[in-house]
N, C-alpha and C. Protein backbone atom coordinates (compact mmCIF):
# COMPACT_ATOMS: atom_id res chain seq x y z
N MET A 1 -5.53 11.24 -12.31
CA MET A 1 -5.30 10.33 -13.43
C MET A 1 -5.72 8.92 -13.04
N VAL A 2 -6.43 8.27 -13.93
CA VAL A 2 -6.87 6.90 -13.70
C VAL A 2 -6.34 6.02 -14.83
N ARG A 3 -5.58 5.02 -14.49
CA ARG A 3 -5.07 4.06 -15.48
C ARG A 3 -6.11 2.96 -15.64
N LEU A 4 -6.68 2.86 -16.82
CA LEU A 4 -7.67 1.83 -17.09
C LEU A 4 -7.02 0.58 -17.65
N ASN A 5 -7.84 -0.41 -17.95
CA ASN A 5 -7.35 -1.63 -18.59
C ASN A 5 -7.04 -1.36 -20.06
N PRO A 6 -6.24 -2.21 -20.69
CA PRO A 6 -6.05 -2.08 -22.14
C PRO A 6 -7.39 -2.17 -22.86
N LEU A 7 -7.43 -1.72 -24.08
CA LEU A 7 -8.66 -1.71 -24.86
C LEU A 7 -9.27 -3.11 -24.93
N HIS A 8 -10.56 -3.22 -24.58
CA HIS A 8 -11.27 -4.49 -24.63
C HIS A 8 -12.76 -4.21 -24.83
N GLU A 9 -13.56 -5.24 -24.87
CA GLU A 9 -14.98 -5.06 -25.20
C GLU A 9 -15.74 -4.26 -24.16
N GLY A 10 -15.19 -4.18 -22.94
CA GLY A 10 -15.86 -3.42 -21.89
C GLY A 10 -15.29 -2.03 -21.68
N SER A 11 -14.42 -1.56 -22.59
CA SER A 11 -13.74 -0.28 -22.40
C SER A 11 -14.71 0.90 -22.32
N GLN A 12 -15.73 0.91 -23.17
CA GLN A 12 -16.65 2.04 -23.15
C GLN A 12 -17.32 2.19 -21.80
N GLN A 13 -17.75 1.07 -21.20
CA GLN A 13 -18.38 1.12 -19.88
C GLN A 13 -17.40 1.61 -18.83
N GLU A 14 -16.16 1.13 -18.89
CA GLU A 14 -15.14 1.56 -17.95
C GLU A 14 -14.88 3.06 -18.07
N ILE A 15 -14.76 3.52 -19.30
CA ILE A 15 -14.49 4.94 -19.53
C ILE A 15 -15.64 5.80 -19.01
N ASP A 16 -16.87 5.41 -19.34
CA ASP A 16 -18.04 6.18 -18.90
C ASP A 16 -18.09 6.30 -17.38
N LEU A 17 -17.85 5.19 -16.69
CA LEU A 17 -17.88 5.19 -15.23
C LEU A 17 -16.76 6.06 -14.67
N THR A 18 -15.59 5.98 -15.28
CA THR A 18 -14.45 6.77 -14.80
C THR A 18 -14.68 8.26 -15.00
N VAL A 19 -15.23 8.63 -16.14
CA VAL A 19 -15.55 10.04 -16.40
C VAL A 19 -16.60 10.54 -15.43
N GLU A 20 -17.64 9.73 -15.22
CA GLU A 20 -18.72 10.12 -14.30
C GLU A 20 -18.22 10.25 -12.87
N SER A 21 -17.16 9.53 -12.54
CA SER A 21 -16.59 9.57 -11.19
C SER A 21 -15.67 10.76 -10.98
N GLY A 22 -15.43 11.53 -12.04
CA GLY A 22 -14.69 12.77 -11.88
C GLY A 22 -13.22 12.75 -12.27
N ALA A 23 -12.81 11.75 -13.04
CA ALA A 23 -11.40 11.68 -13.44
C ALA A 23 -11.02 12.88 -14.30
N ASP A 24 -9.82 13.42 -14.08
CA ASP A 24 -9.30 14.50 -14.91
C ASP A 24 -8.59 13.95 -16.15
N ILE A 25 -7.89 12.83 -15.95
CA ILE A 25 -7.11 12.23 -17.03
C ILE A 25 -7.32 10.72 -16.99
N ILE A 26 -7.50 10.11 -18.16
CA ILE A 26 -7.56 8.66 -18.28
C ILE A 26 -6.34 8.18 -19.04
N MET A 27 -5.70 7.13 -18.53
CA MET A 27 -4.49 6.59 -19.16
C MET A 27 -4.80 5.26 -19.84
N LEU A 28 -4.36 5.12 -21.09
CA LEU A 28 -4.49 3.86 -21.82
C LEU A 28 -3.15 3.13 -21.81
N PRO A 29 -3.09 1.94 -21.19
CA PRO A 29 -1.84 1.18 -21.15
C PRO A 29 -1.79 0.09 -22.22
N MET A 30 -0.62 -0.46 -22.43
CA MET A 30 -0.38 -1.70 -23.18
C MET A 30 -1.06 -1.75 -24.55
N PHE A 31 -1.09 -0.64 -25.25
CA PHE A 31 -1.62 -0.65 -26.62
C PHE A 31 -0.45 -0.77 -27.59
N ARG A 32 -0.75 -1.16 -28.82
CA ARG A 32 0.31 -1.38 -29.80
C ARG A 32 0.10 -0.65 -31.13
N THR A 33 -1.12 -0.20 -31.38
CA THR A 33 -1.39 0.39 -32.70
C THR A 33 -2.06 1.75 -32.56
N THR A 34 -1.96 2.54 -33.62
CA THR A 34 -2.66 3.82 -33.65
C THR A 34 -4.17 3.59 -33.65
N SER A 35 -4.61 2.48 -34.23
CA SER A 35 -6.04 2.18 -34.26
C SER A 35 -6.60 2.02 -32.85
N GLU A 36 -5.87 1.34 -31.98
CA GLU A 36 -6.32 1.18 -30.59
C GLU A 36 -6.44 2.53 -29.90
N ALA A 37 -5.43 3.37 -30.09
CA ALA A 37 -5.44 4.70 -29.47
C ALA A 37 -6.58 5.54 -30.01
N CYS A 38 -6.85 5.45 -31.31
CA CYS A 38 -7.95 6.20 -31.91
C CYS A 38 -9.29 5.75 -31.34
N GLN A 39 -9.49 4.45 -31.23
CA GLN A 39 -10.74 3.92 -30.67
C GLN A 39 -10.95 4.41 -29.25
N PHE A 40 -9.90 4.38 -28.47
CA PHE A 40 -10.00 4.80 -27.07
C PHE A 40 -10.32 6.29 -26.99
N ALA A 41 -9.66 7.09 -27.81
CA ALA A 41 -9.93 8.53 -27.82
C ALA A 41 -11.37 8.81 -28.23
N ASP A 42 -11.89 8.07 -29.20
CA ASP A 42 -13.28 8.25 -29.64
C ASP A 42 -14.25 7.93 -28.52
N MET A 43 -13.92 6.92 -27.70
CA MET A 43 -14.79 6.54 -26.59
C MET A 43 -14.82 7.63 -25.51
N ILE A 44 -13.70 8.28 -25.29
CA ILE A 44 -13.65 9.36 -24.30
C ILE A 44 -14.39 10.58 -24.83
N ALA A 45 -14.26 10.83 -26.12
CA ALA A 45 -15.01 11.90 -26.79
C ALA A 45 -14.81 13.27 -26.14
N GLY A 46 -13.58 13.55 -25.73
CA GLY A 46 -13.27 14.87 -25.20
C GLY A 46 -13.80 15.18 -23.82
N ARG A 47 -14.32 14.19 -23.11
CA ARG A 47 -14.92 14.45 -21.79
C ARG A 47 -13.87 14.61 -20.70
N CYS A 48 -12.66 14.13 -20.94
CA CYS A 48 -11.53 14.39 -20.05
C CYS A 48 -10.26 14.20 -20.87
N ARG A 49 -9.13 14.45 -20.28
CA ARG A 49 -7.87 14.33 -20.99
C ARG A 49 -7.50 12.85 -21.16
N LEU A 50 -6.77 12.57 -22.23
CA LEU A 50 -6.30 11.21 -22.50
C LEU A 50 -4.78 11.20 -22.51
N CYS A 51 -4.21 10.30 -21.72
CA CYS A 51 -2.76 10.08 -21.68
C CYS A 51 -2.46 8.69 -22.23
N LEU A 52 -1.62 8.62 -23.24
CA LEU A 52 -1.20 7.33 -23.79
C LEU A 52 0.06 6.86 -23.08
N LEU A 53 0.00 5.65 -22.53
CA LEU A 53 1.15 5.05 -21.85
C LEU A 53 1.92 4.22 -22.87
N VAL A 54 3.02 4.76 -23.33
CA VAL A 54 3.83 4.09 -24.34
C VAL A 54 4.77 3.11 -23.64
N GLU A 55 4.41 1.84 -23.70
CA GLU A 55 5.19 0.83 -22.97
C GLU A 55 5.35 -0.47 -23.76
N THR A 56 5.16 -0.39 -25.08
CA THR A 56 5.42 -1.53 -25.96
C THR A 56 6.30 -1.07 -27.12
N ARG A 57 7.03 -2.02 -27.68
CA ARG A 57 7.89 -1.69 -28.83
C ARG A 57 7.06 -1.11 -29.97
N ALA A 58 5.91 -1.73 -30.24
CA ALA A 58 5.08 -1.30 -31.36
C ALA A 58 4.59 0.13 -31.18
N ALA A 59 4.14 0.48 -29.96
CA ALA A 59 3.68 1.84 -29.70
C ALA A 59 4.83 2.84 -29.84
N MET A 60 6.00 2.47 -29.35
CA MET A 60 7.17 3.33 -29.46
C MET A 60 7.48 3.62 -30.92
N GLN A 61 7.34 2.62 -31.77
CA GLN A 61 7.70 2.77 -33.17
C GLN A 61 6.74 3.65 -33.95
N VAL A 62 5.52 3.84 -33.44
CA VAL A 62 4.55 4.69 -34.15
C VAL A 62 4.25 5.98 -33.39
N ILE A 63 5.15 6.39 -32.51
CA ILE A 63 4.88 7.56 -31.69
C ILE A 63 4.72 8.82 -32.54
N GLY A 64 5.37 8.86 -33.70
CA GLY A 64 5.21 9.99 -34.60
C GLY A 64 3.81 10.11 -35.15
N GLU A 65 3.08 8.99 -35.22
CA GLU A 65 1.68 8.99 -35.65
C GLU A 65 0.75 9.27 -34.48
N LEU A 66 1.09 8.77 -33.32
CA LEU A 66 0.23 8.91 -32.14
C LEU A 66 0.02 10.37 -31.76
N VAL A 67 1.03 11.20 -31.97
CA VAL A 67 0.93 12.61 -31.55
C VAL A 67 -0.12 13.37 -32.35
N SER A 68 -0.52 12.82 -33.50
CA SER A 68 -1.49 13.51 -34.36
C SER A 68 -2.92 13.06 -34.16
N ILE A 69 -3.16 12.12 -33.25
CA ILE A 69 -4.51 11.61 -33.03
C ILE A 69 -5.33 12.64 -32.28
N PRO A 70 -6.48 13.05 -32.82
CA PRO A 70 -7.34 14.00 -32.09
C PRO A 70 -7.80 13.42 -30.76
N GLY A 71 -7.74 14.24 -29.72
CA GLY A 71 -8.18 13.79 -28.41
C GLY A 71 -7.09 13.21 -27.54
N VAL A 72 -5.88 13.04 -28.08
CA VAL A 72 -4.74 12.58 -27.28
C VAL A 72 -4.02 13.82 -26.75
N ASP A 73 -4.00 13.96 -25.42
CA ASP A 73 -3.50 15.19 -24.81
C ASP A 73 -2.07 15.09 -24.31
N GLU A 74 -1.69 13.93 -23.80
CA GLU A 74 -0.35 13.79 -23.22
C GLU A 74 0.11 12.35 -23.29
N PHE A 75 1.37 12.13 -22.92
CA PHE A 75 1.98 10.81 -23.03
C PHE A 75 2.77 10.48 -21.77
N HIS A 76 2.93 9.20 -21.53
CA HIS A 76 3.86 8.75 -20.49
C HIS A 76 4.66 7.59 -21.06
N ILE A 77 5.97 7.65 -20.91
CA ILE A 77 6.85 6.60 -21.40
C ILE A 77 7.06 5.60 -20.27
N GLY A 78 6.51 4.40 -20.43
CA GLY A 78 6.57 3.38 -19.37
C GLY A 78 7.80 2.50 -19.53
N LEU A 79 8.81 2.75 -18.74
CA LEU A 79 10.10 2.10 -18.94
C LEU A 79 10.12 0.63 -18.55
N ASN A 80 9.38 0.24 -17.52
CA ASN A 80 9.46 -1.13 -17.05
C ASN A 80 8.95 -2.11 -18.11
N ASP A 81 7.70 -1.94 -18.54
CA ASP A 81 7.14 -2.86 -19.53
C ASP A 81 7.80 -2.70 -20.89
N LEU A 82 8.22 -1.48 -21.22
CA LEU A 82 8.91 -1.29 -22.48
C LEU A 82 10.22 -2.07 -22.50
N SER A 83 10.97 -2.03 -21.42
CA SER A 83 12.23 -2.77 -21.36
C SER A 83 11.99 -4.28 -21.43
N LEU A 84 10.89 -4.73 -20.84
CA LEU A 84 10.56 -6.15 -20.93
C LEU A 84 10.20 -6.54 -22.36
N ASP A 85 9.41 -5.69 -23.03
CA ASP A 85 9.01 -5.97 -24.40
C ASP A 85 10.22 -5.96 -25.33
N LEU A 86 11.23 -5.14 -25.00
CA LEU A 86 12.45 -5.08 -25.79
C LEU A 86 13.47 -6.14 -25.37
N ARG A 87 13.13 -6.92 -24.34
CA ARG A 87 14.00 -7.99 -23.82
C ARG A 87 15.34 -7.45 -23.34
N LEU A 88 15.26 -6.35 -22.60
CA LEU A 88 16.45 -5.76 -22.01
C LEU A 88 16.65 -6.27 -20.59
N ASN A 89 17.84 -6.06 -20.06
CA ASN A 89 18.17 -6.56 -18.73
C ASN A 89 17.82 -5.60 -17.60
N PHE A 90 17.64 -4.33 -17.94
CA PHE A 90 17.45 -3.31 -16.91
C PHE A 90 16.48 -2.27 -17.44
N MET A 91 15.53 -1.87 -16.61
CA MET A 91 14.44 -1.03 -17.08
C MET A 91 14.88 0.34 -17.60
N PHE A 92 16.05 0.80 -17.20
CA PHE A 92 16.50 2.12 -17.66
C PHE A 92 17.40 2.06 -18.89
N GLU A 93 17.60 0.88 -19.46
CA GLU A 93 18.42 0.75 -20.66
C GLU A 93 17.93 1.58 -21.84
N PRO A 94 16.61 1.83 -21.98
CA PRO A 94 16.18 2.67 -23.11
C PRO A 94 16.84 4.06 -23.14
N PHE A 95 17.35 4.53 -21.99
CA PHE A 95 18.05 5.82 -21.99
C PHE A 95 19.33 5.77 -22.83
N PRO A 96 20.33 4.96 -22.46
CA PRO A 96 21.56 4.97 -23.24
C PRO A 96 21.40 4.42 -24.65
N LEU A 97 20.33 3.68 -24.91
CA LEU A 97 20.08 3.21 -26.27
C LEU A 97 19.53 4.31 -27.17
N GLY A 98 19.24 5.47 -26.57
CA GLY A 98 18.74 6.60 -27.34
C GLY A 98 17.24 6.56 -27.61
N LEU A 99 16.55 5.57 -27.08
CA LEU A 99 15.13 5.40 -27.36
C LEU A 99 14.29 6.47 -26.66
N VAL A 100 14.65 6.81 -25.43
CA VAL A 100 13.90 7.84 -24.71
C VAL A 100 14.12 9.19 -25.35
N ASP A 101 15.36 9.47 -25.75
CA ASP A 101 15.65 10.73 -26.44
C ASP A 101 14.83 10.86 -27.72
N ALA A 102 14.74 9.77 -28.48
CA ALA A 102 14.01 9.81 -29.75
C ALA A 102 12.53 10.09 -29.52
N MET A 103 11.94 9.43 -28.52
CA MET A 103 10.53 9.67 -28.23
C MET A 103 10.31 11.08 -27.71
N ALA A 104 11.18 11.53 -26.83
CA ALA A 104 11.06 12.89 -26.28
C ALA A 104 11.14 13.93 -27.38
N THR A 105 11.99 13.70 -28.36
CA THR A 105 12.12 14.63 -29.48
C THR A 105 10.81 14.73 -30.26
N GLU A 106 10.19 13.57 -30.55
CA GLU A 106 8.92 13.56 -31.28
C GLU A 106 7.82 14.27 -30.48
N LEU A 107 7.76 14.02 -29.20
CA LEU A 107 6.71 14.60 -28.35
C LEU A 107 6.90 16.10 -28.20
N THR A 108 8.14 16.52 -28.02
CA THR A 108 8.43 17.96 -27.89
C THR A 108 8.10 18.69 -29.18
N LYS A 109 8.48 18.09 -30.30
CA LYS A 109 8.21 18.69 -31.61
C LYS A 109 6.71 18.88 -31.83
N ALA A 110 5.92 17.92 -31.31
CA ALA A 110 4.47 18.00 -31.48
C ALA A 110 3.80 18.84 -30.40
N GLY A 111 4.58 19.32 -29.41
CA GLY A 111 4.02 20.13 -28.34
C GLY A 111 3.19 19.35 -27.35
N LYS A 112 3.50 18.05 -27.20
CA LYS A 112 2.74 17.19 -26.28
C LYS A 112 3.49 17.05 -24.95
N PRO A 113 2.84 17.37 -23.83
CA PRO A 113 3.49 17.13 -22.54
C PRO A 113 3.65 15.64 -22.30
N PHE A 114 4.71 15.28 -21.59
CA PHE A 114 4.96 13.85 -21.36
C PHE A 114 5.72 13.64 -20.06
N GLY A 115 5.61 12.42 -19.56
CA GLY A 115 6.37 12.00 -18.39
C GLY A 115 7.17 10.75 -18.74
N ILE A 116 8.05 10.38 -17.84
CA ILE A 116 8.92 9.22 -18.07
C ILE A 116 8.98 8.37 -16.82
N GLY A 117 8.63 7.10 -16.94
CA GLY A 117 8.89 6.10 -15.91
C GLY A 117 8.47 6.48 -14.50
N GLY A 118 9.18 5.90 -13.54
CA GLY A 118 8.88 6.13 -12.14
C GLY A 118 10.11 6.58 -11.36
N LEU A 119 9.86 7.11 -10.16
CA LEU A 119 10.94 7.56 -9.29
C LEU A 119 10.82 6.91 -7.93
N ALA A 120 11.95 6.47 -7.40
CA ALA A 120 12.02 6.03 -6.02
C ALA A 120 12.39 7.24 -5.16
N ARG A 121 12.78 7.01 -3.93
CA ARG A 121 13.18 8.14 -3.09
C ARG A 121 14.51 8.71 -3.58
N ALA A 122 14.79 9.92 -3.16
CA ALA A 122 15.84 10.73 -3.78
C ALA A 122 17.19 10.02 -3.91
N ASP A 123 17.65 9.36 -2.87
CA ASP A 123 19.00 8.80 -2.88
C ASP A 123 19.02 7.29 -2.76
N GLU A 124 17.96 6.65 -3.18
CA GLU A 124 17.87 5.20 -3.07
C GLU A 124 17.87 4.55 -4.45
N GLY A 125 18.13 3.24 -4.46
CA GLY A 125 18.03 2.47 -5.68
C GLY A 125 19.33 2.38 -6.44
N LEU A 126 19.33 1.48 -7.44
CA LEU A 126 20.51 1.30 -8.27
C LEU A 126 20.83 2.56 -9.07
N LEU A 127 19.77 3.27 -9.45
CA LEU A 127 19.94 4.52 -10.17
C LEU A 127 19.15 5.58 -9.41
N PRO A 128 19.80 6.33 -8.53
CA PRO A 128 19.10 7.27 -7.65
C PRO A 128 18.25 8.28 -8.41
N ALA A 129 17.16 8.67 -7.77
CA ALA A 129 16.24 9.64 -8.39
C ALA A 129 16.93 10.94 -8.73
N ARG A 130 17.96 11.33 -7.97
CA ARG A 130 18.68 12.57 -8.28
C ARG A 130 19.21 12.57 -9.71
N LEU A 131 19.78 11.45 -10.12
CA LEU A 131 20.30 11.34 -11.48
C LEU A 131 19.16 11.33 -12.50
N LEU A 132 18.13 10.58 -12.19
CA LEU A 132 17.01 10.46 -13.13
C LEU A 132 16.29 11.78 -13.34
N ILE A 133 16.14 12.56 -12.29
CA ILE A 133 15.44 13.84 -12.42
C ILE A 133 16.23 14.78 -13.33
N GLY A 134 17.55 14.68 -13.28
CA GLY A 134 18.36 15.45 -14.21
C GLY A 134 18.06 15.09 -15.65
N GLU A 135 17.83 13.80 -15.90
CA GLU A 135 17.46 13.35 -17.24
C GLU A 135 16.07 13.84 -17.63
N HIS A 136 15.15 13.85 -16.68
CA HIS A 136 13.81 14.39 -16.94
C HIS A 136 13.91 15.84 -17.41
N VAL A 137 14.72 16.62 -16.69
CA VAL A 137 14.86 18.04 -17.03
C VAL A 137 15.52 18.19 -18.39
N ARG A 138 16.56 17.41 -18.66
CA ARG A 138 17.26 17.48 -19.95
C ARG A 138 16.32 17.22 -21.11
N LEU A 139 15.41 16.25 -20.94
CA LEU A 139 14.54 15.82 -22.02
C LEU A 139 13.24 16.60 -22.12
N GLY A 140 12.93 17.38 -21.08
CA GLY A 140 11.70 18.15 -21.09
C GLY A 140 10.50 17.43 -20.51
N SER A 141 10.75 16.37 -19.78
CA SER A 141 9.66 15.64 -19.12
C SER A 141 9.05 16.49 -18.01
N SER A 142 7.74 16.37 -17.85
CA SER A 142 7.05 17.14 -16.82
C SER A 142 6.35 16.26 -15.79
N ALA A 143 6.59 14.93 -15.84
CA ALA A 143 5.88 14.05 -14.91
C ALA A 143 6.65 12.76 -14.68
N ALA A 144 6.41 12.17 -13.53
CA ALA A 144 6.91 10.84 -13.21
C ALA A 144 5.91 10.18 -12.27
N ILE A 145 5.89 8.88 -12.28
CA ILE A 145 5.05 8.12 -11.36
C ILE A 145 5.91 7.68 -10.19
N LEU A 146 5.39 7.79 -8.98
CA LEU A 146 6.14 7.30 -7.82
C LEU A 146 6.15 5.78 -7.85
N SER A 147 7.32 5.20 -7.76
CA SER A 147 7.45 3.75 -7.90
C SER A 147 6.96 3.01 -6.65
N ARG A 148 6.80 1.72 -6.80
CA ARG A 148 6.38 0.89 -5.66
C ARG A 148 7.42 0.95 -4.55
N THR A 149 8.69 1.03 -4.92
CA THR A 149 9.73 1.09 -3.89
C THR A 149 9.67 2.41 -3.13
N PHE A 150 9.11 3.45 -3.73
CA PHE A 150 8.99 4.73 -3.05
C PHE A 150 8.19 4.57 -1.77
N HIS A 151 7.11 3.81 -1.84
CA HIS A 151 6.26 3.64 -0.65
C HIS A 151 6.38 2.24 -0.05
N ARG A 152 7.49 1.55 -0.39
CA ARG A 152 7.83 0.27 0.22
C ARG A 152 6.75 -0.80 0.00
N GLN A 153 6.13 -0.77 -1.15
CA GLN A 153 5.15 -1.79 -1.53
C GLN A 153 3.89 -1.79 -0.67
N HIS A 154 3.67 -0.77 0.13
CA HIS A 154 2.47 -0.72 0.96
C HIS A 154 1.23 -0.59 0.07
N ASP A 155 0.13 -1.17 0.53
CA ASP A 155 -1.09 -1.18 -0.29
C ASP A 155 -2.21 -0.32 0.29
N ASN A 156 -1.90 0.52 1.29
CA ASN A 156 -2.93 1.42 1.82
C ASN A 156 -2.27 2.68 2.37
N VAL A 157 -3.04 3.73 2.42
CA VAL A 157 -2.52 5.04 2.81
C VAL A 157 -2.02 5.05 4.25
N GLU A 158 -2.72 4.36 5.14
CA GLU A 158 -2.34 4.35 6.55
C GLU A 158 -0.95 3.76 6.75
N ALA A 159 -0.66 2.68 6.04
CA ALA A 159 0.65 2.03 6.16
C ALA A 159 1.75 2.95 5.63
N ILE A 160 1.46 3.66 4.55
CA ILE A 160 2.45 4.59 4.00
C ILE A 160 2.74 5.70 5.00
N ARG A 161 1.71 6.26 5.59
CA ARG A 161 1.89 7.35 6.55
C ARG A 161 2.66 6.89 7.78
N ALA A 162 2.47 5.64 8.19
CA ALA A 162 3.17 5.13 9.37
C ALA A 162 4.65 4.92 9.10
N GLU A 163 5.00 4.67 7.83
CA GLU A 163 6.39 4.34 7.50
C GLU A 163 7.21 5.54 7.06
N MET A 164 6.58 6.58 6.54
CA MET A 164 7.34 7.67 5.95
C MET A 164 6.59 8.99 6.05
N ASP A 165 7.35 10.07 5.90
CA ASP A 165 6.77 11.40 5.76
C ASP A 165 6.60 11.63 4.26
N PHE A 166 5.45 11.24 3.76
CA PHE A 166 5.22 11.25 2.31
C PHE A 166 5.42 12.64 1.72
N ALA A 167 4.82 13.64 2.36
CA ALA A 167 4.91 15.00 1.84
C ALA A 167 6.37 15.48 1.77
N ALA A 168 7.15 15.14 2.78
CA ALA A 168 8.54 15.58 2.82
C ALA A 168 9.36 14.91 1.72
N GLU A 169 9.10 13.63 1.48
CA GLU A 169 9.84 12.91 0.44
C GLU A 169 9.50 13.46 -0.95
N VAL A 170 8.24 13.76 -1.17
CA VAL A 170 7.84 14.34 -2.46
C VAL A 170 8.42 15.75 -2.60
N ALA A 171 8.41 16.52 -1.51
CA ALA A 171 8.97 17.87 -1.55
C ALA A 171 10.46 17.83 -1.90
N LEU A 172 11.17 16.81 -1.42
CA LEU A 172 12.59 16.69 -1.73
C LEU A 172 12.79 16.43 -3.22
N LEU A 173 11.96 15.58 -3.82
CA LEU A 173 12.05 15.34 -5.26
C LEU A 173 11.80 16.62 -6.04
N ARG A 174 10.83 17.41 -5.60
CA ARG A 174 10.53 18.66 -6.29
C ARG A 174 11.68 19.67 -6.13
N GLU A 175 12.31 19.65 -4.97
CA GLU A 175 13.47 20.54 -4.75
C GLU A 175 14.62 20.16 -5.69
N ILE A 176 14.83 18.85 -5.84
CA ILE A 176 15.88 18.38 -6.75
C ILE A 176 15.55 18.80 -8.19
N GLU A 177 14.28 18.70 -8.55
CA GLU A 177 13.87 19.13 -9.89
C GLU A 177 14.16 20.61 -10.10
N ARG A 178 13.85 21.44 -9.11
CA ARG A 178 14.12 22.88 -9.23
C ARG A 178 15.61 23.14 -9.39
N ASP A 179 16.42 22.39 -8.64
CA ASP A 179 17.87 22.57 -8.74
C ASP A 179 18.36 22.24 -10.16
N TRP A 180 17.85 21.14 -10.73
CA TRP A 180 18.27 20.77 -12.08
C TRP A 180 17.78 21.78 -13.11
N GLN A 181 16.61 22.34 -12.90
CA GLN A 181 16.09 23.34 -13.83
C GLN A 181 16.96 24.60 -13.87
N GLN A 182 17.67 24.84 -12.77
CA GLN A 182 18.55 26.01 -12.68
C GLN A 182 20.01 25.67 -13.01
N ALA A 183 20.28 24.39 -13.27
CA ALA A 183 21.66 23.95 -13.52
C ALA A 183 22.12 24.36 -14.91
N SER A 184 23.42 24.43 -15.07
CA SER A 184 24.01 24.78 -16.37
C SER A 184 23.88 23.61 -17.33
N SER A 185 24.01 23.90 -18.62
CA SER A 185 23.95 22.84 -19.63
C SER A 185 25.10 21.86 -19.44
N ASP A 186 26.25 22.35 -18.97
CA ASP A 186 27.38 21.46 -18.72
C ASP A 186 27.07 20.48 -17.59
N ALA A 187 26.41 20.97 -16.54
CA ALA A 187 26.04 20.10 -15.43
C ALA A 187 25.02 19.06 -15.86
N ILE A 188 24.07 19.47 -16.68
CA ILE A 188 23.06 18.55 -17.19
C ILE A 188 23.71 17.46 -18.04
N GLU A 189 24.66 17.84 -18.87
CA GLU A 189 25.35 16.87 -19.71
C GLU A 189 26.23 15.94 -18.87
N LYS A 190 26.88 16.48 -17.88
CA LYS A 190 27.69 15.64 -16.99
C LYS A 190 26.81 14.61 -16.28
N ASN A 191 25.62 15.02 -15.87
CA ASN A 191 24.69 14.10 -15.23
C ASN A 191 24.25 13.02 -16.20
N ARG A 192 23.98 13.39 -17.46
CA ARG A 192 23.58 12.39 -18.45
C ARG A 192 24.66 11.33 -18.61
N ILE A 193 25.91 11.77 -18.70
CA ILE A 193 27.01 10.83 -18.87
C ILE A 193 27.10 9.89 -17.68
N GLU A 194 26.98 10.45 -16.48
CA GLU A 194 27.05 9.60 -15.28
C GLU A 194 25.89 8.62 -15.23
N ALA A 195 24.67 9.10 -15.52
CA ALA A 195 23.50 8.23 -15.48
C ALA A 195 23.63 7.09 -16.49
N TRP A 196 24.02 7.42 -17.70
CA TRP A 196 24.14 6.39 -18.74
C TRP A 196 25.24 5.39 -18.40
N GLN A 197 26.32 5.87 -17.79
CA GLN A 197 27.40 4.97 -17.42
C GLN A 197 26.94 4.01 -16.32
N ARG A 198 26.20 4.54 -15.36
CA ARG A 198 25.69 3.67 -14.30
C ARG A 198 24.74 2.62 -14.86
N ILE A 199 23.91 3.02 -15.80
CA ILE A 199 23.00 2.06 -16.42
C ILE A 199 23.79 0.98 -17.15
N ALA A 200 24.83 1.38 -17.87
CA ALA A 200 25.67 0.41 -18.58
C ALA A 200 26.34 -0.55 -17.61
N ASP A 201 26.80 -0.03 -16.48
CA ASP A 201 27.46 -0.88 -15.48
C ASP A 201 26.47 -1.88 -14.89
N ILE A 202 25.27 -1.43 -14.59
CA ILE A 202 24.25 -2.33 -14.03
C ILE A 202 23.90 -3.41 -15.05
N ARG A 203 23.73 -3.00 -16.30
CA ARG A 203 23.41 -3.96 -17.34
C ARG A 203 24.51 -5.01 -17.48
N ALA A 204 25.76 -4.57 -17.42
CA ALA A 204 26.90 -5.48 -17.57
C ALA A 204 26.90 -6.49 -16.43
N ARG A 205 26.64 -6.02 -15.21
CA ARG A 205 26.63 -6.94 -14.06
C ARG A 205 25.51 -7.96 -14.21
N ARG A 206 24.37 -7.52 -14.69
CA ARG A 206 23.23 -8.44 -14.83
C ARG A 206 23.42 -9.42 -15.98
N SER A 207 24.32 -9.10 -16.88
CA SER A 207 24.56 -9.98 -18.03
C SER A 207 25.56 -11.08 -17.71
N LEU A 208 26.27 -10.94 -16.58
CA LEU A 208 27.27 -11.94 -16.22
C LEU A 208 26.59 -13.25 -15.84
N PRO A 209 27.14 -14.40 -16.24
CA PRO A 209 26.55 -15.69 -15.84
C PRO A 209 26.68 -15.91 -14.35
N ASN A 210 25.72 -16.60 -13.78
CA ASN A 210 25.79 -16.89 -12.33
C ASN A 210 26.90 -17.88 -12.05
N ASN A 211 27.60 -17.63 -10.94
CA ASN A 211 28.70 -18.52 -10.56
C ASN A 211 28.15 -19.73 -9.81
């Protein structure tokens, strides 16, 4: 998958070069209208798969239209920029607000595969990946992007390999996913409640005035 720039006057050249270089999937970020998505899909012209990165309020609001665009194969819900566009305090707030559920429902109904946000390492962060993966399974998500914190902000493969066992960390995330896929509906719901409560607690702390 290759994430290109938002739609601009040089998009056709970028797309052509990316397709010629062997990309399987091209991702369109930071779009706001169905017209932008249609233009981008027309430029790809079926030469590879197209993933729409839904990370603006406007795109979220027209997701029911986006699923019907010819040439759009899959979606990714970008929580960081979406939360910024919504002026929220914490990137995972769209979960308890019901926004992720609403989008997942539209995508599932249309039979479109989708992913949600990013994942850090299994037991790290304010909202550990273990909880988040349970939400992925509950909603039917089939993908996540590894976050910058996953690889400690390193900018090259050598540095990542020196700091961590990348394959082992990814294998652990996949093991957690398998466990959630085999979990009972009660366990999945209990995880949702815990995840949403943690998000609410984090949001509340961030909303407090500085002393």
